[in-house]
Amino acid sequence: MTKPGRSATKNAAAFVASHRPAADGELFGITELSREFGISLRAIRFYEDKGLLAPRRINGGRAYSRRDRVRLGLIQRGRAVGMSLAEIEHILSLYGDHGEGHAKQLEYLIARIDQAMAELDTRRRNIETMSAELDLVRGELRRELAAKRRSGKKTDKSA
């Protein structure tokens, strides 16, 4: 497995640092989060309906905490790697309200990554096997075609 480059590591560190809890109780609007994450307002509301986000209501509008913003980022990352909403919900529930389930979350994620890597390894082996088989078939077909062309030329010359 390759390690991320220095630039990727720096970007990841900056992202994580930007999502650390702030003492100022910073709030975000739904439009702001929609633009930041490049998703529709409808998608954010969908995640709310599923219980993955829980914004406050201020003067009838949604006000998302930094925690909601981090959760939305995790939801988006989970979706990007093919996790189901049920899996994402499970991961988020392991974390707890104050990070008390962090070790459980990490254990689950490590197991999920191990499973994904094993699946990819199996796919890779199957692709390699299929590629080798197709290469053999292609070789046989080329030899057969060449033989047909040779016998066709002999027939043409004798006519």
N, C-alpha and C. Protein backbone atom coordinates (compact mmCIF):
# COMPACT_ATOMS: atom_id res chain seq x y z
N MET A 1 0.84 -1.17 0.00
CA MET A 1 0.00 0.00 0.00
C MET A 1 0.89 1.24 0.00
N THR A 2 0.58 2.21 -0.85
CA THR A 2 1.39 3.40 -0.91
C THR A 2 0.91 4.42 0.10
N LYS A 3 1.85 5.17 0.62
CA LYS A 3 1.52 6.22 1.58
C LYS A 3 1.18 7.48 0.80
N PRO A 4 0.29 8.32 1.38
CA PRO A 4 -0.03 9.56 0.68
C PRO A 4 1.19 10.47 0.63
N GLY A 5 1.24 11.27 -0.41
CA GLY A 5 2.35 12.21 -0.56
C GLY A 5 2.28 13.31 0.48
N ARG A 6 3.34 14.10 0.53
CA ARG A 6 3.42 15.18 1.52
C ARG A 6 2.27 16.17 1.36
N SER A 7 1.93 16.49 0.11
CA SER A 7 0.84 17.44 -0.15
C SER A 7 -0.49 16.89 0.35
N ALA A 8 -0.77 15.61 0.07
CA ALA A 8 -2.02 15.00 0.51
C ALA A 8 -2.09 14.96 2.03
N THR A 9 -0.98 14.63 2.68
CA THR A 9 -0.95 14.59 4.13
C THR A 9 -1.18 15.97 4.72
N LYS A 10 -0.56 16.98 4.12
CA LYS A 10 -0.73 18.36 4.60
C LYS A 10 -2.18 18.80 4.43
N ASN A 11 -2.79 18.48 3.28
CA ASN A 11 -4.19 18.85 3.04
C ASN A 11 -5.11 18.14 4.03
N ALA A 12 -4.85 16.87 4.28
CA ALA A 12 -5.67 16.11 5.23
C ALA A 12 -5.55 16.69 6.63
N ALA A 13 -4.33 17.04 7.02
CA ALA A 13 -4.12 17.63 8.36
C ALA A 13 -4.85 18.96 8.49
N ALA A 14 -4.82 19.77 7.44
CA ALA A 14 -5.51 21.06 7.46
C ALA A 14 -7.02 20.85 7.56
N PHE A 15 -7.53 19.86 6.83
CA PHE A 15 -8.97 19.58 6.87
C PHE A 15 -9.39 19.15 8.27
N VAL A 16 -8.64 18.22 8.85
CA VAL A 16 -8.97 17.73 10.19
C VAL A 16 -8.90 18.88 11.20
N ALA A 17 -7.87 19.71 11.11
CA ALA A 17 -7.72 20.84 12.04
C ALA A 17 -8.89 21.81 11.90
N SER A 18 -9.37 22.00 10.68
CA SER A 18 -10.48 22.94 10.47
C SER A 18 -11.78 22.43 11.05
N HIS A 19 -11.84 21.14 11.38
CA HIS A 19 -13.06 20.56 11.91
C HIS A 19 -13.01 20.28 13.41
N ARG A 20 -11.95 20.74 14.06
CA ARG A 20 -11.87 20.57 15.50
C ARG A 20 -12.91 21.48 16.15
N PRO A 21 -13.49 21.04 17.26
CA PRO A 21 -14.50 21.87 17.92
C PRO A 21 -13.96 23.23 18.31
N ALA A 22 -14.78 24.23 18.07
CA ALA A 22 -14.40 25.59 18.44
C ALA A 22 -15.20 26.02 19.66
N ALA A 23 -14.61 26.81 20.48
CA ALA A 23 -15.28 27.27 21.69
C ALA A 23 -16.33 28.32 21.38
N ASP A 24 -16.25 28.93 20.19
CA ASP A 24 -17.16 30.03 19.88
C ASP A 24 -18.55 29.57 19.46
N GLY A 25 -18.80 28.28 19.34
CA GLY A 25 -20.12 27.78 18.97
C GLY A 25 -20.53 28.21 17.57
N GLU A 26 -19.59 28.25 16.67
CA GLU A 26 -19.83 28.66 15.29
C GLU A 26 -20.96 27.84 14.66
N LEU A 27 -21.85 28.53 13.94
CA LEU A 27 -22.97 27.87 13.28
C LEU A 27 -22.89 28.11 11.78
N PHE A 28 -23.49 27.17 11.03
CA PHE A 28 -23.46 27.24 9.57
C PHE A 28 -24.88 27.09 9.05
N GLY A 29 -25.18 27.78 7.97
CA GLY A 29 -26.48 27.66 7.32
C GLY A 29 -26.47 26.52 6.32
N ILE A 30 -27.65 26.06 5.94
CA ILE A 30 -27.76 24.95 5.02
C ILE A 30 -27.17 25.29 3.65
N THR A 31 -27.37 26.54 3.21
CA THR A 31 -26.82 26.96 1.92
C THR A 31 -25.30 26.97 1.95
N GLU A 32 -24.75 27.42 3.06
CA GLU A 32 -23.29 27.45 3.23
C GLU A 32 -22.71 26.04 3.15
N LEU A 33 -23.33 25.09 3.83
CA LEU A 33 -22.84 23.70 3.80
C LEU A 33 -23.04 23.09 2.42
N SER A 34 -24.15 23.41 1.81
CA SER A 34 -24.42 22.91 0.46
C SER A 34 -23.32 23.33 -0.51
N ARG A 35 -22.95 24.58 -0.44
CA ARG A 35 -21.87 25.08 -1.32
C ARG A 35 -20.52 24.46 -0.96
N GLU A 36 -20.23 24.41 0.33
CA GLU A 36 -18.94 23.88 0.78
C GLU A 36 -18.72 22.44 0.34
N PHE A 37 -19.77 21.61 0.46
CA PHE A 37 -19.63 20.19 0.15
C PHE A 37 -20.07 19.83 -1.26
N GLY A 38 -20.59 20.82 -1.99
CA GLY A 38 -21.00 20.57 -3.37
C GLY A 38 -22.17 19.60 -3.48
N ILE A 39 -23.10 19.71 -2.54
CA ILE A 39 -24.29 18.85 -2.58
C ILE A 39 -25.54 19.71 -2.51
N SER A 40 -26.66 19.13 -2.84
CA SER A 40 -27.91 19.89 -2.87
C SER A 40 -28.48 20.09 -1.46
N LEU A 41 -29.34 21.08 -1.35
CA LEU A 41 -30.05 21.30 -0.08
C LEU A 41 -30.91 20.07 0.23
N ARG A 42 -31.45 19.49 -0.81
CA ARG A 42 -32.29 18.30 -0.66
C ARG A 42 -31.50 17.15 -0.04
N ALA A 43 -30.25 16.98 -0.46
CA ALA A 43 -29.41 15.90 0.10
C ALA A 43 -29.18 16.13 1.59
N ILE A 44 -28.92 17.38 1.96
CA ILE A 44 -28.70 17.68 3.38
C ILE A 44 -29.97 17.39 4.18
N ARG A 45 -31.12 17.80 3.65
CA ARG A 45 -32.38 17.53 4.34
C ARG A 45 -32.64 16.02 4.43
N PHE A 46 -32.25 15.28 3.40
CA PHE A 46 -32.38 13.82 3.41
C PHE A 46 -31.58 13.23 4.56
N TYR A 47 -30.34 13.70 4.73
CA TYR A 47 -29.51 13.20 5.83
C TYR A 47 -30.12 13.55 7.18
N GLU A 48 -30.78 14.70 7.26
CA GLU A 48 -31.49 15.06 8.49
C GLU A 48 -32.63 14.08 8.74
N ASP A 49 -33.41 13.80 7.68
CA ASP A 49 -34.55 12.88 7.81
C ASP A 49 -34.09 11.51 8.28
N LYS A 50 -32.90 11.11 7.88
CA LYS A 50 -32.35 9.81 8.28
C LYS A 50 -31.73 9.85 9.67
N GLY A 51 -31.70 11.03 10.29
CA GLY A 51 -31.15 11.16 11.63
C GLY A 51 -29.64 11.28 11.69
N LEU A 52 -29.00 11.52 10.54
CA LEU A 52 -27.54 11.64 10.51
C LEU A 52 -27.07 13.04 10.90
N LEU A 53 -27.93 14.03 10.70
CA LEU A 53 -27.64 15.41 11.08
C LEU A 53 -28.79 15.92 11.95
N ALA A 54 -28.47 16.78 12.90
CA ALA A 54 -29.50 17.32 13.79
C ALA A 54 -29.26 18.81 14.02
N PRO A 55 -29.65 19.64 13.03
CA PRO A 55 -29.42 21.08 13.19
C PRO A 55 -30.37 21.69 14.22
N ARG A 56 -29.92 22.80 14.75
CA ARG A 56 -30.80 23.57 15.63
C ARG A 56 -31.74 24.38 14.75
N ARG A 57 -32.83 24.82 15.32
CA ARG A 57 -33.75 25.71 14.60
C ARG A 57 -33.64 27.09 15.25
N ILE A 58 -33.28 28.05 14.43
CA ILE A 58 -33.18 29.42 14.92
C ILE A 58 -34.02 30.28 13.98
N ASN A 59 -35.06 30.90 14.54
CA ASN A 59 -35.99 31.73 13.76
C ASN A 59 -36.51 30.98 12.54
N GLY A 60 -36.81 29.71 12.70
CA GLY A 60 -37.37 28.90 11.63
C GLY A 60 -36.36 28.34 10.64
N GLY A 61 -35.11 28.76 10.76
CA GLY A 61 -34.09 28.27 9.84
C GLY A 61 -33.20 27.22 10.50
N ARG A 62 -32.51 26.49 9.68
CA ARG A 62 -31.59 25.46 10.17
C ARG A 62 -30.25 26.10 10.51
N ALA A 63 -29.72 25.74 11.66
CA ALA A 63 -28.40 26.21 12.07
C ALA A 63 -27.57 24.98 12.44
N TYR A 64 -26.55 24.72 11.63
CA TYR A 64 -25.72 23.54 11.82
C TYR A 64 -24.48 23.88 12.64
N SER A 65 -24.18 23.01 13.58
CA SER A 65 -22.98 23.18 14.42
C SER A 65 -21.76 22.67 13.67
N ARG A 66 -20.60 22.93 14.24
CA ARG A 66 -19.36 22.39 13.68
C ARG A 66 -19.42 20.86 13.66
N ARG A 67 -20.05 20.27 14.69
CA ARG A 67 -20.22 18.81 14.75
C ARG A 67 -21.03 18.32 13.55
N ASP A 68 -22.12 19.03 13.22
CA ASP A 68 -22.92 18.65 12.05
C ASP A 68 -22.10 18.76 10.77
N ARG A 69 -21.28 19.79 10.70
CA ARG A 69 -20.42 20.00 9.52
C ARG A 69 -19.43 18.83 9.37
N VAL A 70 -18.84 18.41 10.47
CA VAL A 70 -17.91 17.28 10.44
C VAL A 70 -18.66 16.01 10.04
N ARG A 71 -19.83 15.80 10.61
CA ARG A 71 -20.62 14.62 10.28
C ARG A 71 -20.97 14.61 8.79
N LEU A 72 -21.33 15.77 8.24
CA LEU A 72 -21.64 15.85 6.82
C LEU A 72 -20.42 15.49 5.98
N GLY A 73 -19.25 15.94 6.40
CA GLY A 73 -18.01 15.58 5.70
C GLY A 73 -17.76 14.08 5.75
N LEU A 74 -18.01 13.46 6.90
CA LEU A 74 -17.84 12.01 7.04
C LEU A 74 -18.85 11.26 6.18
N ILE A 75 -20.07 11.77 6.14
CA ILE A 75 -21.10 11.15 5.30
C ILE A 75 -20.66 11.18 3.85
N GLN A 76 -20.19 12.34 3.40
CA GLN A 76 -19.75 12.48 2.01
C GLN A 76 -18.57 11.56 1.70
N ARG A 77 -17.63 11.46 2.61
CA ARG A 77 -16.48 10.57 2.39
C ARG A 77 -16.91 9.12 2.35
N GLY A 78 -17.80 8.75 3.26
CA GLY A 78 -18.31 7.38 3.27
C GLY A 78 -19.02 7.03 1.97
N ARG A 79 -19.84 7.95 1.49
CA ARG A 79 -20.55 7.73 0.22
C ARG A 79 -19.55 7.61 -0.93
N ALA A 80 -18.51 8.43 -0.88
CA ALA A 80 -17.51 8.43 -1.97
C ALA A 80 -16.77 7.10 -2.07
N VAL A 81 -16.64 6.38 -0.95
CA VAL A 81 -15.94 5.09 -0.99
C VAL A 81 -16.92 3.92 -1.04
N GLY A 82 -18.20 4.22 -1.28
CA GLY A 82 -19.19 3.17 -1.51
C GLY A 82 -19.87 2.61 -0.29
N MET A 83 -19.78 3.30 0.83
CA MET A 83 -20.47 2.81 2.02
C MET A 83 -21.97 3.11 1.92
N SER A 84 -22.76 2.23 2.48
CA SER A 84 -24.21 2.46 2.53
C SER A 84 -24.51 3.46 3.64
N LEU A 85 -25.69 4.04 3.59
CA LEU A 85 -26.07 4.97 4.67
C LEU A 85 -26.15 4.24 6.01
N ALA A 86 -26.53 2.97 5.98
CA ALA A 86 -26.59 2.19 7.22
C ALA A 86 -25.20 2.06 7.84
N GLU A 87 -24.19 1.81 6.99
CA GLU A 87 -22.81 1.72 7.49
C GLU A 87 -22.35 3.05 8.04
N ILE A 88 -22.65 4.11 7.32
CA ILE A 88 -22.25 5.45 7.76
C ILE A 88 -22.92 5.78 9.08
N GLU A 89 -24.20 5.47 9.19
CA GLU A 89 -24.93 5.71 10.44
C GLU A 89 -24.30 4.93 11.58
N HIS A 90 -23.90 3.69 11.31
CA HIS A 90 -23.26 2.86 12.34
C HIS A 90 -21.95 3.51 12.80
N ILE A 91 -21.16 3.97 11.87
CA ILE A 91 -19.89 4.62 12.22
C ILE A 91 -20.14 5.87 13.05
N LEU A 92 -21.09 6.69 12.61
CA LEU A 92 -21.38 7.92 13.34
C LEU A 92 -21.92 7.61 14.74
N SER A 93 -22.71 6.56 14.87
CA SER A 93 -23.27 6.21 16.19
C SER A 93 -22.18 5.70 17.13
N LEU A 94 -21.15 5.08 16.58
CA LEU A 94 -20.05 4.60 17.42
C LEU A 94 -19.29 5.76 18.05
N TYR A 95 -19.28 6.88 17.37
CA TYR A 95 -18.49 8.02 17.86
C TYR A 95 -19.09 8.63 19.11
N GLY A 96 -20.41 8.67 19.19
CA GLY A 96 -21.06 9.24 20.36
C GLY A 96 -21.11 10.76 20.29
N ASP A 97 -21.78 11.36 21.24
CA ASP A 97 -21.95 12.82 21.25
C ASP A 97 -20.67 13.57 21.59
N HIS A 98 -19.81 12.96 22.37
CA HIS A 98 -18.60 13.65 22.83
C HIS A 98 -17.34 12.85 22.52
N GLY A 99 -17.40 11.98 21.52
CA GLY A 99 -16.23 11.22 21.13
C GLY A 99 -15.93 10.04 22.02
N GLU A 100 -16.88 9.67 22.89
CA GLU A 100 -16.60 8.59 23.82
C GLU A 100 -16.46 7.22 23.15
N GLY A 101 -16.98 7.06 21.96
CA GLY A 101 -16.86 5.78 21.27
C GLY A 101 -15.78 5.76 20.21
N HIS A 102 -14.85 6.67 20.30
CA HIS A 102 -13.83 6.83 19.26
C HIS A 102 -13.05 5.53 19.00
N ALA A 103 -12.68 4.81 20.04
CA ALA A 103 -11.92 3.56 19.85
C ALA A 103 -12.77 2.54 19.11
N LYS A 104 -14.07 2.43 19.46
CA LYS A 104 -14.96 1.50 18.76
C LYS A 104 -15.08 1.89 17.29
N GLN A 105 -15.20 3.18 17.05
CA GLN A 105 -15.31 3.67 15.68
C GLN A 105 -14.06 3.30 14.88
N LEU A 106 -12.91 3.51 15.49
CA LEU A 106 -11.65 3.19 14.81
C LEU A 106 -11.53 1.69 14.55
N GLU A 107 -11.91 0.87 15.52
CA GLU A 107 -11.88 -0.58 15.34
C GLU A 107 -12.78 -1.00 14.18
N TYR A 108 -13.98 -0.41 14.13
CA TYR A 108 -14.92 -0.74 13.06
C TYR A 108 -14.35 -0.31 11.71
N LEU A 109 -13.80 0.89 11.65
CA LEU A 109 -13.24 1.39 10.39
C LEU A 109 -12.06 0.54 9.92
N ILE A 110 -11.21 0.15 10.85
CA ILE A 110 -10.08 -0.71 10.49
C ILE A 110 -10.59 -2.04 9.93
N ALA A 111 -11.59 -2.62 10.58
CA ALA A 111 -12.16 -3.89 10.09
C ALA A 111 -12.79 -3.69 8.72
N ARG A 112 -13.48 -2.57 8.53
CA ARG A 112 -14.13 -2.29 7.23
C ARG A 112 -13.08 -2.10 6.14
N ILE A 113 -11.99 -1.42 6.46
CA ILE A 113 -10.91 -1.22 5.49
C ILE A 113 -10.25 -2.56 5.17
N ASP A 114 -10.01 -3.39 6.19
CA ASP A 114 -9.43 -4.72 5.96
C ASP A 114 -10.33 -5.53 5.02
N GLN A 115 -11.64 -5.46 5.25
CA GLN A 115 -12.60 -6.18 4.41
C GLN A 115 -12.55 -5.65 2.98
N ALA A 116 -12.54 -4.33 2.81
CA ALA A 116 -12.50 -3.74 1.47
C ALA A 116 -11.22 -4.12 0.75
N MET A 117 -10.11 -4.13 1.47
CA MET A 117 -8.83 -4.49 0.85
C MET A 117 -8.82 -5.96 0.44
N ALA A 118 -9.41 -6.82 1.26
CA ALA A 118 -9.49 -8.24 0.92
C ALA A 118 -10.35 -8.44 -0.33
N GLU A 119 -11.47 -7.70 -0.41
CA GLU A 119 -12.33 -7.78 -1.59
C GLU A 119 -11.60 -7.31 -2.83
N LEU A 120 -10.87 -6.22 -2.71
CA LEU A 120 -10.11 -5.69 -3.84
C LEU A 120 -9.01 -6.67 -4.27
N ASP A 121 -8.37 -7.30 -3.29
CA ASP A 121 -7.33 -8.28 -3.60
C ASP A 121 -7.92 -9.47 -4.35
N THR A 122 -9.09 -9.92 -3.93
CA THR A 122 -9.78 -11.01 -4.63
C THR A 122 -10.13 -10.59 -6.06
N ARG A 123 -10.65 -9.39 -6.21
CA ARG A 123 -10.97 -8.88 -7.55
C ARG A 123 -9.72 -8.82 -8.42
N ARG A 124 -8.62 -8.33 -7.83
CA ARG A 124 -7.36 -8.22 -8.57
C ARG A 124 -6.91 -9.59 -9.06
N ARG A 125 -6.96 -10.59 -8.17
CA ARG A 125 -6.57 -11.95 -8.56
C ARG A 125 -7.48 -12.49 -9.66
N ASN A 126 -8.78 -12.24 -9.55
CA ASN A 126 -9.72 -12.68 -10.57
C ASN A 126 -9.46 -11.99 -11.91
N ILE A 127 -9.13 -10.71 -11.86
CA ILE A 127 -8.82 -9.97 -13.09
C ILE A 127 -7.54 -10.52 -13.72
N GLU A 128 -6.53 -10.79 -12.91
CA GLU A 128 -5.28 -11.34 -13.42
C GLU A 128 -5.52 -12.71 -14.06
N THR A 129 -6.33 -13.56 -13.41
CA THR A 129 -6.64 -14.88 -13.96
C THR A 129 -7.40 -14.74 -15.27
N MET A 130 -8.42 -13.87 -15.28
CA MET A 130 -9.21 -13.67 -16.49
C MET A 130 -8.34 -13.11 -17.61
N SER A 131 -7.45 -12.20 -17.30
CA SER A 131 -6.56 -11.61 -18.30
C SER A 131 -5.64 -12.68 -18.90
N ALA A 132 -5.10 -13.54 -18.06
CA ALA A 132 -4.23 -14.63 -18.55
C ALA A 132 -5.02 -15.58 -19.44
N GLU A 133 -6.25 -15.91 -19.03
CA GLU A 133 -7.08 -16.80 -19.84
C GLU A 133 -7.42 -16.17 -21.18
N LEU A 134 -7.79 -14.90 -21.17
CA LEU A 134 -8.11 -14.20 -22.42
C LEU A 134 -6.89 -14.11 -23.33
N ASP A 135 -5.72 -13.92 -22.73
CA ASP A 135 -4.49 -13.87 -23.52
C ASP A 135 -4.25 -15.20 -24.23
N LEU A 136 -4.47 -16.31 -23.52
CA LEU A 136 -4.32 -17.64 -24.13
C LEU A 136 -5.32 -17.85 -25.26
N VAL A 137 -6.57 -17.49 -25.02
CA VAL A 137 -7.60 -17.65 -26.05
C VAL A 137 -7.27 -16.80 -27.26
N ARG A 138 -6.86 -15.55 -27.03
CA ARG A 138 -6.48 -14.67 -28.14
C ARG A 138 -5.35 -15.28 -28.96
N GLY A 139 -4.35 -15.85 -28.29
CA GLY A 139 -3.24 -16.49 -28.99
C GLY A 139 -3.71 -17.65 -29.85
N GLU A 140 -4.59 -18.48 -29.27
CA GLU A 140 -5.12 -19.61 -30.04
C GLU A 140 -5.93 -19.14 -31.25
N LEU A 141 -6.74 -18.10 -31.06
CA LEU A 141 -7.54 -17.57 -32.16
C LEU A 141 -6.66 -16.97 -33.25
N ARG A 142 -5.60 -16.28 -32.86
CA ARG A 142 -4.68 -15.72 -33.85
C ARG A 142 -4.00 -16.83 -34.67
N ARG A 143 -3.59 -17.91 -33.97
CA ARG A 143 -2.97 -19.03 -34.68
C ARG A 143 -3.97 -19.68 -35.64
N GLU A 144 -5.19 -19.83 -35.19
CA GLU A 144 -6.23 -20.41 -36.03
C GLU A 144 -6.50 -19.53 -37.25
N LEU A 145 -6.58 -18.22 -37.03
CA LEU A 145 -6.80 -17.28 -38.14
C LEU A 145 -5.64 -17.33 -39.12
N ALA A 146 -4.42 -17.37 -38.60
CA ALA A 146 -3.24 -17.42 -39.47
C ALA A 146 -3.26 -18.71 -40.29
N ALA A 147 -3.63 -19.82 -39.68
CA ALA A 147 -3.71 -21.09 -40.40
C ALA A 147 -4.77 -21.03 -41.49
N LYS A 148 -5.90 -20.42 -41.21
CA LYS A 148 -6.97 -20.29 -42.21
C LYS A 148 -6.51 -19.42 -43.37
N ARG A 149 -5.80 -18.34 -43.04
CA ARG A 149 -5.31 -17.45 -44.10
C ARG A 149 -4.29 -18.18 -44.98
N ARG A 150 -3.41 -18.98 -44.34
CA ARG A 150 -2.41 -19.74 -45.11
C ARG A 150 -3.10 -20.76 -46.01
N SER A 151 -4.09 -21.46 -45.47
CA SER A 151 -4.77 -22.48 -46.30
C SER A 151 -5.61 -21.82 -47.37
N GLY A 152 -6.12 -20.62 -47.13
CA GLY A 152 -6.88 -19.88 -48.13
C GLY A 152 -6.00 -19.43 -49.27
N LYS A 153 -4.76 -19.03 -48.99
CA LYS A 153 -3.82 -18.59 -50.02
C LYS A 153 -3.40 -19.77 -50.88
N LYS A 154 -3.23 -20.95 -50.25
CA LYS A 154 -2.88 -22.15 -51.01
C LYS A 154 -3.98 -22.51 -51.99
N THR A 155 -5.23 -22.37 -51.54
CA THR A 155 -6.38 -22.68 -52.38
C THR A 155 -6.46 -21.69 -53.54
N ASP A 156 -6.17 -20.41 -53.28
CA ASP A 156 -6.20 -19.39 -54.32
C ASP A 156 -5.16 -19.65 -55.38
N LYS A 157 -3.96 -20.08 -54.97
CA LYS A 157 -2.85 -20.33 -55.92
C LYS A 157 -3.13 -21.55 -56.77
N SER A 158 -3.83 -22.54 -56.23
CA SER A 158 -4.08 -23.75 -57.01
C SER A 158 -5.23 -23.57 -57.99
N ALA A 159 -5.99 -22.51 -57.85
CA ALA A 159 -7.14 -22.29 -58.75
C ALA A 159 -6.79 -21.66 -60.05
